[in-house]
Amino acid sequence: MLRADRIRQSVIQGIEQVTSKLVEIGDQDSFADFDIDSLDRMSLMLEVEEDLDLEFTDLDPKDVDCINDYIKLIQALPDASETTDNGSGTVAAKKN
């Protein structure tokens, strides 16, 4: 299982990559408060997937509004190559 601090680091790096700005953001702070629009959220999701070697399927980026949402989603993943449904139809899988 990925640790929360590793997920947090990945999301913050993704935000900085997408927005080209250094950010100080708390786990519960809404991405909207940092002017991260829907296109930026999609780019952020792709950055996190690549950095953490994950693949989200059927995930609507607007459903992930803060770092804590990523932490909960990713920590709910089972071991490699299995998939999980978080109850909203969102499935994520750890790549091999």
C-alpha atoms as a PDB file:
ATOM      1  CA  MET A   1       0.000   0.000   0.000  1.00  0.00           C
ATOM      2  CA  LEU A   2       1.281   3.432  -0.862  1.00  0.00           C
ATOM      3  CA  ARG A   3       1.781   5.728   2.089  1.00  0.00           C
ATOM      4  CA  ALA A   4      -0.242   8.932   2.363  1.00  0.00           C
ATOM      5  CA  ASP A   5       2.891  11.096   2.280  1.00  0.00           C
ATOM      6  CA  ARG A   6       4.001   9.524  -1.021  1.00  0.00           C
ATOM      7  CA  ILE A   7       0.564  10.080  -2.566  1.00  0.00           C
ATOM      8  CA  ARG A   8       0.493  13.659  -1.228  1.00  0.00           C
ATOM      9  CA  GLN A   9       3.939  14.327  -2.729  1.00  0.00           C
ATOM     10  CA  SER A  10       2.827  12.953  -6.110  1.00  0.00           C
ATOM     11  CA  VAL A  11      -0.347  15.071  -6.181  1.00  0.00           C
ATOM     12  CA  ILE A  12       1.501  18.250  -5.178  1.00  0.00           C
ATOM     13  CA  GLN A  13       4.162  17.633  -7.829  1.00  0.00           C
ATOM     14  CA  GLY A  14       1.395  17.023 -10.350  1.00  0.00           C
ATOM     15  CA  ILE A  15      -0.329  20.284  -9.408  1.00  0.00           C
ATOM     16  CA  GLU A  16       2.944  22.171  -9.759  1.00  0.00           C
ATOM     17  CA  GLN A  17       3.577  20.532 -13.138  1.00  0.00           C
ATOM     18  CA  VAL A  18       0.074  21.297 -14.422  1.00  0.00           C
ATOM     19  CA  THR A  19      -0.136  24.872 -13.126  1.00  0.00           C
ATOM     20  CA  SER A  20       3.561  25.778 -13.474  1.00  0.00           C
ATOM     21  CA  LYS A  21       3.365  27.245  -9.948  1.00  0.00           C
ATOM     22  CA  LEU A  22       4.735  26.221  -6.572  1.00  0.00           C
ATOM     23  CA  VAL A  23       1.816  25.500  -4.247  1.00  0.00           C
ATOM     24  CA  GLU A  24       1.192  25.055  -0.558  1.00  0.00           C
ATOM     25  CA  ILE A  25      -1.985  23.031  -0.322  1.00  0.00           C
ATOM     26  CA  GLY A  26      -3.557  21.104   2.527  1.00  0.00           C
ATOM     27  CA  ASP A  27      -5.072  17.658   2.181  1.00  0.00           C
ATOM     28  CA  GLN A  28      -8.622  19.039   2.409  1.00  0.00           C
ATOM     29  CA  ASP A  29      -8.109  22.180   0.287  1.00  0.00           C
ATOM     30  CA  SER A  30     -10.261  22.157  -2.831  1.00  0.00           C
ATOM     31  CA  PHE A  31      -8.416  22.159  -6.124  1.00  0.00           C
ATOM     32  CA  ALA A  32     -10.863  24.847  -7.270  1.00  0.00           C
ATOM     33  CA  ASP A  33      -9.352  27.215  -4.685  1.00  0.00           C
ATOM     34  CA  PHE A  34      -6.096  26.953  -6.653  1.00  0.00           C
ATOM     35  CA  ASP A  35      -7.734  27.659 -10.033  1.00  0.00           C
ATOM     36  CA  ILE A  36      -7.373  24.065 -11.144  1.00  0.00           C
ATOM     37  CA  ASP A  37     -10.053  23.667 -13.807  1.00  0.00           C
ATOM     38  CA  SER A  38     -11.427  20.479 -15.358  1.00  0.00           C
ATOM     39  CA  LEU A  39      -8.675  20.249 -17.975  1.00  0.00           C
ATOM     40  CA  ASP A  40      -6.038  20.736 -15.278  1.00  0.00           C
ATOM     41  CA  ARG A  41      -7.716  18.027 -13.183  1.00  0.00           C
ATOM     42  CA  MET A  42      -7.498  15.601 -16.089  1.00  0.00           C
ATOM     43  CA  SER A  43      -3.826  16.453 -16.556  1.00  0.00           C
ATOM     44  CA  LEU A  44      -3.255  16.079 -12.804  1.00  0.00           C
ATOM     45  CA  MET A  45      -4.871  12.656 -12.821  1.00  0.00           C
ATOM     46  CA  LEU A  46      -2.568  11.571 -15.661  1.00  0.00           C
ATOM     47  CA  GLU A  47       0.478  12.927 -13.803  1.00  0.00           C
ATOM     48  CA  VAL A  48      -0.455  10.979 -10.654  1.00  0.00           C
ATOM     49  CA  GLU A  49      -1.094   7.816 -12.670  1.00  0.00           C
ATOM     50  CA  GLU A  50       2.306   8.052 -14.316  1.00  0.00           C
ATOM     51  CA  ASP A  51       4.203   8.944 -11.153  1.00  0.00           C
ATOM     52  CA  LEU A  52       2.650   6.218  -9.013  1.00  0.00           C
ATOM     53  CA  ASP A  53       2.379   3.624 -11.790  1.00  0.00           C
ATOM     54  CA  LEU A  54      -1.404   3.412 -11.500  1.00  0.00           C
ATOM     55  CA  GLU A  55      -4.276   3.414 -13.945  1.00  0.00           C
ATOM     56  CA  PHE A  56      -7.653   4.923 -13.122  1.00  0.00           C
ATOM     57  CA  THR A  57     -10.550   3.747 -15.257  1.00  0.00           C
ATOM     58  CA  ASP A  58     -13.935   5.414 -15.330  1.00  0.00           C
ATOM     59  CA  LEU A  59     -12.696   8.119 -12.979  1.00  0.00           C
ATOM     60  CA  ASP A  60     -14.208  11.533 -13.571  1.00  0.00           C
ATOM     61  CA  PRO A  61     -11.569  14.091 -12.548  1.00  0.00           C
ATOM     62  CA  LYS A  62     -14.266  16.366 -11.111  1.00  0.00           C
ATOM     63  CA  ASP A  63     -14.969  13.657  -8.509  1.00  0.00           C
ATOM     64  CA  VAL A  64     -11.453  14.102  -7.070  1.00  0.00           C
ATOM     65  CA  ASP A  65     -11.469  17.527  -5.436  1.00  0.00           C
ATOM     66  CA  CYS A  66      -8.581  17.414  -2.974  1.00  0.00           C
ATOM     67  CA  ILE A  67      -5.432  15.532  -2.031  1.00  0.00           C
ATOM     68  CA  ASN A  68      -7.343  13.518   0.555  1.00  0.00           C
ATOM     69  CA  ASP A  69      -9.627  12.157  -2.198  1.00  0.00           C
ATOM     70  CA  TYR A  70      -6.542  10.784  -3.983  1.00  0.00           C
ATOM     71  CA  ILE A  71      -5.182   9.331  -0.743  1.00  0.00           C
ATOM     72  CA  LYS A  72      -8.443   7.500   0.008  1.00  0.00           C
ATOM     73  CA  LEU A  73      -8.837   6.250  -3.552  1.00  0.00           C
ATOM     74  CA  ILE A  74      -5.284   4.982  -3.924  1.00  0.00           C
ATOM     75  CA  GLN A  75      -4.987   3.451  -0.457  1.00  0.00           C
ATOM     76  CA  ALA A  76      -8.156   1.471  -1.132  1.00  0.00           C
ATOM     77  CA  LEU A  77      -6.375  -0.308  -3.987  1.00  0.00           C
ATOM     78  CA  PRO A  78      -5.638  -3.999  -3.511  1.00  0.00           C
ATOM     79  CA  ASP A  79      -2.243  -5.422  -4.425  1.00  0.00           C
ATOM     80  CA  ALA A  80      -0.750  -5.270  -7.913  1.00  0.00           C
ATOM     81  CA  SER A  81      -2.843  -6.108 -10.965  1.00  0.00           C
ATOM     82  CA  GLU A  82      -6.115  -6.284  -9.043  1.00  0.00           C
ATOM     83  CA  THR A  83      -8.859  -3.697  -9.375  1.00  0.00           C
ATOM     84  CA  THR A  84     -11.190  -2.041  -6.934  1.00  0.00           C
ATOM     85  CA  ASP A  85     -14.489  -0.224  -7.145  1.00  0.00           C
ATOM     86  CA  ASN A  86     -14.809   2.588  -4.609  1.00  0.00           C
ATOM     87  CA  GLY A  87     -18.600   2.355  -4.635  1.00  0.00           C
ATOM     88  CA  SER A  88     -19.160   5.122  -7.176  1.00  0.00           C
ATOM     89  CA  GLY A  89     -18.249   3.004 -10.181  1.00  0.00           C
ATOM     90  CA  THR A  90     -14.689   4.327 -10.177  1.00  0.00           C
ATOM     91  CA  VAL A  91     -12.160   1.621 -10.748  1.00  0.00           C
ATOM     92  CA  ALA A  92      -8.431   1.920 -10.300  1.00  0.00           C
ATOM     93  CA  ALA A  93      -5.746  -0.665 -10.829  1.00  0.00           C
ATOM     94  CA  LYS A  94      -2.111  -0.862  -9.919  1.00  0.00           C
ATOM     95  CA  LYS A  95      -0.074  -1.476 -13.043  1.00  0.00           C
ATOM     96  CA  ASN A  96       2.347  -4.371 -13.158  1.00  0.00           C
END
